[in-house]
Amino acid sequence: MPEVIFTGPAGRLEGRYQPSTEKNAPIAIVLHPHPQFGGTMNNKIVYDLFYMFQKRNFTTLRFNFRGIGRSQGEFDHGTGELSDAAAALDWIQSLHPDSKTCWVAGYSFGAWIGMQLLMRRPEIEGFISVAPQPNTYDFSFLAPCPSSGLIIHGDADKVAPPKDVQALVDKLHTQKGITITQKTLPGANHFFTNDTELLIEECADYLDRRLAGELSDPRPKRLR
């Protein structure tokens, strides 16, 4: 898959990019865990999510947030990283102007950034949030959440306790016009140790069902 460098708000950003064979294929962006706790675009879960979208012929991008790998800049507590994600989506859309829809997947810190991005970008029609941390990050911006998606986590997660994730899911379930699907993996921790394969299987099953027209509100999505 091609290595790419594109311009972000704090300098260049490094990514891995796989264009679809179809001109108007949907776009998928995958966002990595916390930069200050070892998160990079080469995290196994991030890589596996990237490959999951790629196998379904999405135009797919994963990249390093500012200050990681060859990406320039410094960690910015989420604000700059959200700008990085928006710049990444701008860049890939400039190469694929016929792509009308987009998905965002994020793991841990990346799930928080991804859900903020979907609030800003109406073309994002689906999301996958792996082990989001509502106990650490404020998700009150989801008012309302504009897209249907999957929240998937482990019931042995000590970093993002299940009760906090459940409270977020319960809040989103009260919103009309979207369908939030929740999957809880028994025995899985925040890092999905020994459970990565099952995690990706569940994410792939969800994505396949969405692509088949299930698990979302039937109303048409507003486009850019």
C-alpha atoms as a PDB file:
ATOM      1  CA  MET A   1       0.000   0.000   0.000  1.00  0.00           C
ATOM      2  CA  PRO A   2       1.387   3.420  -0.911  1.00  0.00           C
ATOM      3  CA  GLU A   3       3.084   5.550   1.724  1.00  0.00           C
ATOM      4  CA  VAL A   4       1.819   9.114   1.465  1.00  0.00           C
ATOM      5  CA  ILE A   5       2.736  12.509   2.857  1.00  0.00           C
ATOM      6  CA  PHE A   6       0.076  15.217   2.793  1.00  0.00           C
ATOM      7  CA  THR A   7      -0.225  18.685   4.270  1.00  0.00           C
ATOM      8  CA  GLY A   8      -1.792  19.040   7.704  1.00  0.00           C
ATOM      9  CA  PRO A   9      -2.435  22.118   9.837  1.00  0.00           C
ATOM     10  CA  ALA A  10       0.893  21.741  11.713  1.00  0.00           C
ATOM     11  CA  GLY A  11       3.049  20.530   8.816  1.00  0.00           C
ATOM     12  CA  ARG A  12       3.206  17.314   6.875  1.00  0.00           C
ATOM     13  CA  LEU A  13       1.303  14.186   7.924  1.00  0.00           C
ATOM     14  CA  GLU A  14       2.389  10.649   7.130  1.00  0.00           C
ATOM     15  CA  GLY A  15      -0.113   8.021   6.068  1.00  0.00           C
ATOM     16  CA  ARG A  16      -0.833   4.771   4.288  1.00  0.00           C
ATOM     17  CA  TYR A  17      -3.386   4.965   1.527  1.00  0.00           C
ATOM     18  CA  GLN A  18      -5.104   2.395  -0.647  1.00  0.00           C
ATOM     19  CA  PRO A  19      -7.379   3.721  -3.386  1.00  0.00           C
ATOM     20  CA  SER A  20     -10.375   1.675  -4.435  1.00  0.00           C
ATOM     21  CA  THR A  21     -10.648   0.238  -7.929  1.00  0.00           C
ATOM     22  CA  GLU A  22     -13.993   2.059  -8.227  1.00  0.00           C
ATOM     23  CA  LYS A  23     -14.109   5.793  -8.887  1.00  0.00           C
ATOM     24  CA  ASN A  24     -17.087   6.528  -6.636  1.00  0.00           C
ATOM     25  CA  ALA A  25     -16.300   4.025  -3.850  1.00  0.00           C
ATOM     26  CA  PRO A  26     -16.836   5.199  -0.270  1.00  0.00           C
ATOM     27  CA  ILE A  27     -13.890   6.507   1.742  1.00  0.00           C
ATOM     28  CA  ALA A  28     -12.772   5.102   5.107  1.00  0.00           C
ATOM     29  CA  ILE A  29     -10.410   6.801   7.546  1.00  0.00           C
ATOM     30  CA  VAL A  30      -8.962   4.893  10.510  1.00  0.00           C
ATOM     31  CA  LEU A  31      -7.709   6.832  13.561  1.00  0.00           C
ATOM     32  CA  HIS A  32      -5.116   5.521  15.993  1.00  0.00           C
ATOM     33  CA  PRO A  33      -4.937   5.467  19.828  1.00  0.00           C
ATOM     34  CA  HIS A  34      -3.387   8.093  22.083  1.00  0.00           C
ATOM     35  CA  PRO A  35      -0.112   9.470  20.694  1.00  0.00           C
ATOM     36  CA  GLN A  36       1.450   9.785  24.146  1.00  0.00           C
ATOM     37  CA  PHE A  37       0.736   6.166  25.069  1.00  0.00           C
ATOM     38  CA  GLY A  38       2.291   4.457  22.075  1.00  0.00           C
ATOM     39  CA  GLY A  39      -0.548   4.972  19.599  1.00  0.00           C
ATOM     40  CA  THR A  40       0.445   4.975  15.913  1.00  0.00           C
ATOM     41  CA  MET A  41      -1.133   4.132  12.577  1.00  0.00           C
ATOM     42  CA  ASN A  42       0.723   0.801  12.739  1.00  0.00           C
ATOM     43  CA  ASN A  43      -1.192  -0.342  15.815  1.00  0.00           C
ATOM     44  CA  LYS A  44      -2.471  -3.841  14.989  1.00  0.00           C
ATOM     45  CA  ILE A  45      -6.143  -3.000  15.511  1.00  0.00           C
ATOM     46  CA  VAL A  46      -5.790   0.127  13.342  1.00  0.00           C
ATOM     47  CA  TYR A  47      -4.036  -1.915  10.645  1.00  0.00           C
ATOM     48  CA  ASP A  48      -6.689  -4.649  10.783  1.00  0.00           C
ATOM     49  CA  LEU A  49      -9.529  -2.120  10.519  1.00  0.00           C
ATOM     50  CA  PHE A  50      -7.759  -0.513   7.553  1.00  0.00           C
ATOM     51  CA  TYR A  51      -7.471  -3.915   5.862  1.00  0.00           C
ATOM     52  CA  MET A  52     -11.132  -4.712   6.646  1.00  0.00           C
ATOM     53  CA  PHE A  53     -12.289  -1.611   4.728  1.00  0.00           C
ATOM     54  CA  GLN A  54      -9.750  -2.176   1.966  1.00  0.00           C
ATOM     55  CA  LYS A  55     -11.012  -5.737   1.394  1.00  0.00           C
ATOM     56  CA  ARG A  56     -14.483  -4.281   0.787  1.00  0.00           C
ATOM     57  CA  ASN A  57     -13.033  -1.947  -1.861  1.00  0.00           C
ATOM     58  CA  PHE A  58     -13.262   1.280   0.136  1.00  0.00           C
ATOM     59  CA  THR A  59     -10.698   3.975  -0.601  1.00  0.00           C
ATOM     60  CA  THR A  60      -8.893   3.699   2.722  1.00  0.00           C
ATOM     61  CA  LEU A  61      -6.487   5.898   4.697  1.00  0.00           C
ATOM     62  CA  ARG A  62      -4.743   5.597   8.023  1.00  0.00           C
ATOM     63  CA  PHE A  63      -2.237   8.186   9.182  1.00  0.00           C
ATOM     64  CA  ASN A  64      -0.098   9.310  12.087  1.00  0.00           C
ATOM     65  CA  PHE A  65      -1.378  12.221  14.128  1.00  0.00           C
ATOM     66  CA  ARG A  66       0.979  15.192  14.533  1.00  0.00           C
ATOM     67  CA  GLY A  67       4.284  14.413  16.242  1.00  0.00           C
ATOM     68  CA  ILE A  68       4.147  10.660  15.528  1.00  0.00           C
ATOM     69  CA  GLY A  69       6.469   8.920  13.071  1.00  0.00           C
ATOM     70  CA  ARG A  70       7.181  11.294  10.200  1.00  0.00           C
ATOM     71  CA  SER A  71       4.180  13.532  10.956  1.00  0.00           C
ATOM     72  CA  GLN A  72       5.212  17.032  11.997  1.00  0.00           C
ATOM     73  CA  GLY A  73       3.951  19.028  14.964  1.00  0.00           C
ATOM     74  CA  GLU A  74       3.361  18.279  18.642  1.00  0.00           C
ATOM     75  CA  PHE A  75       0.611  16.551  20.601  1.00  0.00           C
ATOM     76  CA  ASP A  76      -2.321  18.968  21.053  1.00  0.00           C
ATOM     77  CA  HIS A  77      -4.689  17.217  23.498  1.00  0.00           C
ATOM     78  CA  GLY A  78      -7.255  16.415  20.810  1.00  0.00           C
ATOM     79  CA  THR A  79      -7.847  19.838  19.264  1.00  0.00           C
ATOM     80  CA  GLY A  80      -5.003  19.625  16.776  1.00  0.00           C
ATOM     81  CA  GLU A  81      -5.587  15.925  16.199  1.00  0.00           C
ATOM     82  CA  LEU A  82      -9.175  16.663  15.156  1.00  0.00           C
ATOM     83  CA  SER A  83      -7.781  19.231  12.698  1.00  0.00           C
ATOM     84  CA  ASP A  84      -5.369  16.564  11.432  1.00  0.00           C
ATOM     85  CA  ALA A  85      -8.273  14.176  10.828  1.00  0.00           C
ATOM     86  CA  ALA A  86     -10.244  16.867   8.984  1.00  0.00           C
ATOM     87  CA  ALA A  87      -7.181  17.643   6.827  1.00  0.00           C
ATOM     88  CA  ALA A  88      -6.787  13.917   6.085  1.00  0.00           C
ATOM     89  CA  LEU A  89     -10.408  13.699   4.935  1.00  0.00           C
ATOM     90  CA  ASP A  90      -9.978  16.859   2.823  1.00  0.00           C
ATOM     91  CA  TRP A  91      -6.874  15.380   1.196  1.00  0.00           C
ATOM     92  CA  ILE A  92      -8.436  12.060   0.296  1.00  0.00           C
ATOM     93  CA  GLN A  93     -11.628  13.727  -0.949  1.00  0.00           C
ATOM     94  CA  SER A  94      -9.551  15.961  -3.230  1.00  0.00           C
ATOM     95  CA  LEU A  95      -8.187  12.805  -4.874  1.00  0.00           C
ATOM     96  CA  HIS A  96     -11.626  11.136  -5.051  1.00  0.00           C
ATOM     97  CA  PRO A  97     -14.183  13.847  -5.859  1.00  0.00           C
ATOM     98  CA  ASP A  98     -16.722  11.227  -6.999  1.00  0.00           C
ATOM     99  CA  SER A  99     -16.813   9.569  -3.565  1.00  0.00           C
ATOM    100  CA  LYS A 100     -19.955  10.845  -1.888  1.00  0.00           C
ATOM    101  CA  THR A 101     -19.866   8.969   1.401  1.00  0.00           C
ATOM    102  CA  CYS A 102     -17.347   8.245   4.104  1.00  0.00           C
ATOM    103  CA  TRP A 103     -16.836   6.069   7.164  1.00  0.00           C
ATOM    104  CA  VAL A 104     -14.636   6.789  10.143  1.00  0.00           C
ATOM    105  CA  ALA A 105     -13.229   4.158  12.493  1.00  0.00           C
ATOM    106  CA  GLY A 106     -11.236   4.951  15.602  1.00  0.00           C
ATOM    107  CA  TYR A 107      -9.721   3.069  18.500  1.00  0.00           C
ATOM    108  CA  SER A 108      -9.616   4.519  22.025  1.00  0.00           C
ATOM    109  CA  PHE A 109      -8.406   8.148  21.666  1.00  0.00           C
ATOM    110  CA  GLY A 110      -9.031   7.732  17.924  1.00  0.00           C
ATOM    111  CA  ALA A 111     -12.691   6.886  18.616  1.00  0.00           C
ATOM    112  CA  TRP A 112     -13.097  10.239  20.404  1.00  0.00           C
ATOM    113  CA  ILE A 113     -11.521  12.127  17.505  1.00  0.00           C
ATOM    114  CA  GLY A 114     -13.559  10.154  14.969  1.00  0.00           C
ATOM    115  CA  MET A 115     -16.876  10.946  16.615  1.00  0.00           C
ATOM    116  CA  GLN A 116     -15.983  14.642  16.734  1.00  0.00           C
ATOM    117  CA  LEU A 117     -15.128  14.494  13.035  1.00  0.00           C
ATOM    118  CA  LEU A 118     -18.502  13.006  12.135  1.00  0.00           C
ATOM    119  CA  MET A 119     -20.213  15.926  13.900  1.00  0.00           C
ATOM    120  CA  ARG A 120     -18.457  18.287  11.488  1.00  0.00           C
ATOM    121  CA  ARG A 121     -18.723  16.331   8.261  1.00  0.00           C
ATOM    122  CA  PRO A 122     -22.213  15.413   7.032  1.00  0.00           C
ATOM    123  CA  GLU A 123     -20.789  13.060   4.393  1.00  0.00           C
ATOM    124  CA  ILE A 124     -19.748  10.598   7.135  1.00  0.00           C
ATOM    125  CA  GLU A 125     -22.553   8.059   7.097  1.00  0.00           C
ATOM    126  CA  GLY A 126     -21.159   5.427   9.455  1.00  0.00           C
ATOM    127  CA  PHE A 127     -18.705   5.023  12.287  1.00  0.00           C
ATOM    128  CA  ILE A 128     -16.971   2.278  14.237  1.00  0.00           C
ATOM    129  CA  SER A 129     -15.816   3.292  17.711  1.00  0.00           C
ATOM    130  CA  VAL A 130     -13.551   0.719  19.342  1.00  0.00           C
ATOM    131  CA  ALA A 131     -13.172   1.067  23.134  1.00  0.00           C
ATOM    132  CA  PRO A 132     -14.167   4.742  23.443  1.00  0.00           C
ATOM    133  CA  GLN A 133     -13.326   6.386  26.790  1.00  0.00           C
ATOM    134  CA  PRO A 134     -16.260   8.519  27.990  1.00  0.00           C
ATOM    135  CA  ASN A 135     -14.738   8.366  31.479  1.00  0.00           C
ATOM    136  CA  THR A 136     -11.691  10.292  30.180  1.00  0.00           C
ATOM    137  CA  TYR A 137     -13.001  12.338  27.250  1.00  0.00           C
ATOM    138  CA  ASP A 138     -16.099  14.497  26.955  1.00  0.00           C
ATOM    139  CA  PHE A 139     -18.600  13.086  24.449  1.00  0.00           C
ATOM    140  CA  SER A 140     -21.321  15.673  25.166  1.00  0.00           C
ATOM    141  CA  PHE A 141     -20.736  17.142  21.673  1.00  0.00           C
ATOM    142  CA  LEU A 142     -22.875  14.262  20.323  1.00  0.00           C
ATOM    143  CA  ALA A 143     -26.004  16.363  20.531  1.00  0.00           C
ATOM    144  CA  PRO A 144     -27.359  14.850  18.456  1.00  0.00           C
ATOM    145  CA  CYS A 145     -25.114  12.200  16.942  1.00  0.00           C
ATOM    146  CA  PRO A 146     -25.745  12.516  13.175  1.00  0.00           C
ATOM    147  CA  SER A 147     -24.850   9.007  11.986  1.00  0.00           C
ATOM    148  CA  SER A 148     -25.552   5.389  12.821  1.00  0.00           C
ATOM    149  CA  GLY A 149     -22.608   3.351  13.997  1.00  0.00           C
ATOM    150  CA  LEU A 150     -21.041   0.614  16.090  1.00  0.00           C
ATOM    151  CA  ILE A 151     -19.645   1.012  19.595  1.00  0.00           C
ATOM    152  CA  ILE A 152     -17.623  -2.070  20.506  1.00  0.00           C
ATOM    153  CA  HIS A 153     -15.753  -2.683  23.761  1.00  0.00           C
ATOM    154  CA  GLY A 154     -14.719  -5.348  26.240  1.00  0.00           C
ATOM    155  CA  ASP A 155     -16.424  -6.101  29.544  1.00  0.00           C
ATOM    156  CA  ALA A 156     -13.006  -6.388  31.257  1.00  0.00           C
ATOM    157  CA  ASP A 157     -11.802  -2.972  30.078  1.00  0.00           C
ATOM    158  CA  LYS A 158     -10.211  -1.126  33.010  1.00  0.00           C
ATOM    159  CA  VAL A 159      -9.191   1.912  30.924  1.00  0.00           C
ATOM    160  CA  ALA A 160     -12.728   2.564  29.685  1.00  0.00           C
ATOM    161  CA  PRO A 161     -14.994   0.892  32.261  1.00  0.00           C
ATOM    162  CA  PRO A 162     -18.060  -0.793  30.737  1.00  0.00           C
ATOM    163  CA  LYS A 163     -20.478   1.214  32.911  1.00  0.00           C
ATOM    164  CA  ASP A 164     -19.179   4.473  31.396  1.00  0.00           C
ATOM    165  CA  VAL A 165     -19.411   3.135  27.855  1.00  0.00           C
ATOM    166  CA  GLN A 166     -22.920   1.872  28.644  1.00  0.00           C
ATOM    167  CA  ALA A 167     -23.965   5.343  29.822  1.00  0.00           C
ATOM    168  CA  LEU A 168     -22.778   6.808  26.509  1.00  0.00           C
ATOM    169  CA  VAL A 169     -24.631   4.133  24.522  1.00  0.00           C
ATOM    170  CA  ASP A 170     -27.807   4.644  26.568  1.00  0.00           C
ATOM    171  CA  LYS A 171     -27.672   8.379  25.898  1.00  0.00           C
ATOM    172  CA  LEU A 172     -27.260   7.813  22.156  1.00  0.00           C
ATOM    173  CA  HIS A 173     -30.101   5.285  22.131  1.00  0.00           C
ATOM    174  CA  THR A 174     -32.527   8.054  23.109  1.00  0.00           C
ATOM    175  CA  GLN A 175     -31.804   9.936  19.893  1.00  0.00           C
ATOM    176  CA  LYS A 176     -34.154   9.566  16.951  1.00  0.00           C
ATOM    177  CA  GLY A 177     -33.117   8.966  13.362  1.00  0.00           C
ATOM    178  CA  ILE A 178     -29.982   6.913  14.043  1.00  0.00           C
ATOM    179  CA  THR A 179     -29.293   3.330  15.064  1.00  0.00           C
ATOM    180  CA  ILE A 180     -26.472   2.725  17.519  1.00  0.00           C
ATOM    181  CA  THR A 181     -25.297  -0.882  17.633  1.00  0.00           C
ATOM    182  CA  GLN A 182     -23.390  -2.001  20.722  1.00  0.00           C
ATOM    183  CA  LYS A 183     -21.186  -5.076  20.976  1.00  0.00           C
ATOM    184  CA  THR A 184     -19.569  -6.114  24.256  1.00  0.00           C
ATOM    185  CA  LEU A 185     -16.837  -8.740  24.035  1.00  0.00           C
ATOM    186  CA  PRO A 186     -16.764 -10.980  27.117  1.00  0.00           C
ATOM    187  CA  GLY A 187     -13.398 -11.038  28.882  1.00  0.00           C
ATOM    188  CA  ALA A 188     -11.800  -8.473  26.538  1.00  0.00           C
ATOM    189  CA  ASN A 189      -9.611  -5.714  27.959  1.00  0.00           C
ATOM    190  CA  HIS A 190      -8.864  -2.276  26.490  1.00  0.00           C
ATOM    191  CA  PHE A 191      -6.106  -3.717  24.308  1.00  0.00           C
ATOM    192  CA  PHE A 192      -8.164  -6.733  23.181  1.00  0.00           C
ATOM    193  CA  THR A 193      -5.325  -9.028  24.194  1.00  0.00           C
ATOM    194  CA  ASN A 194      -6.027 -12.413  22.540  1.00  0.00           C
ATOM    195  CA  ASP A 195      -9.335 -10.979  21.282  1.00  0.00           C
ATOM    196  CA  THR A 196      -8.241  -8.929  18.258  1.00  0.00           C
ATOM    197  CA  GLU A 197      -9.490 -11.507  15.764  1.00  0.00           C
ATOM    198  CA  LEU A 198     -12.951 -11.604  17.343  1.00  0.00           C
ATOM    199  CA  LEU A 199     -13.015  -7.790  17.475  1.00  0.00           C
ATOM    200  CA  ILE A 200     -12.317  -7.493  13.752  1.00  0.00           C
ATOM    201  CA  GLU A 201     -14.844 -10.238  12.949  1.00  0.00           C
ATOM    202  CA  GLU A 202     -17.549  -8.303  14.821  1.00  0.00           C
ATOM    203  CA  CYS A 203     -16.590  -5.032  13.103  1.00  0.00           C
ATOM    204  CA  ALA A 204     -16.590  -6.726   9.686  1.00  0.00           C
ATOM    205  CA  ASP A 205     -19.977  -8.327  10.352  1.00  0.00           C
ATOM    206  CA  TYR A 206     -21.391  -4.924  11.314  1.00  0.00           C
ATOM    207  CA  LEU A 207     -19.923  -3.248   8.221  1.00  0.00           C
ATOM    208  CA  ASP A 208     -21.267  -5.970   5.921  1.00  0.00           C
ATOM    209  CA  ARG A 209     -24.740  -5.616   7.404  1.00  0.00           C
ATOM    210  CA  ARG A 210     -24.640  -1.840   6.992  1.00  0.00           C
ATOM    211  CA  LEU A 211     -23.499  -2.186   3.379  1.00  0.00           C
ATOM    212  CA  ALA A 212     -26.469  -4.500   2.873  1.00  0.00           C
ATOM    213  CA  GLY A 213     -28.803  -1.750   4.110  1.00  0.00           C
ATOM    214  CA  GLU A 214     -29.355  -2.960   7.675  1.00  0.00           C
ATOM    215  CA  LEU A 215     -28.808  -1.359  11.108  1.00  0.00           C
ATOM    216  CA  SER A 216     -29.361   2.243  10.123  1.00  0.00           C
ATOM    217  CA  ASP A 217     -32.202   4.697   9.810  1.00  0.00           C
ATOM    218  CA  PRO A 218     -33.748   4.464   6.334  1.00  0.00           C
ATOM    219  CA  ARG A 219     -33.901   8.233   5.864  1.00  0.00           C
ATOM    220  CA  PRO A 220     -31.456   9.546   3.260  1.00  0.00           C
ATOM    221  CA  LYS A 221     -28.230  11.032   4.603  1.00  0.00           C
ATOM    222  CA  ARG A 222     -27.632  14.703   3.909  1.00  0.00           C
ATOM    223  CA  LEU A 223     -24.756  15.170   1.491  1.00  0.00           C
ATOM    224  CA  ARG A 224     -22.187  17.903   1.231  1.00  0.00           C
END
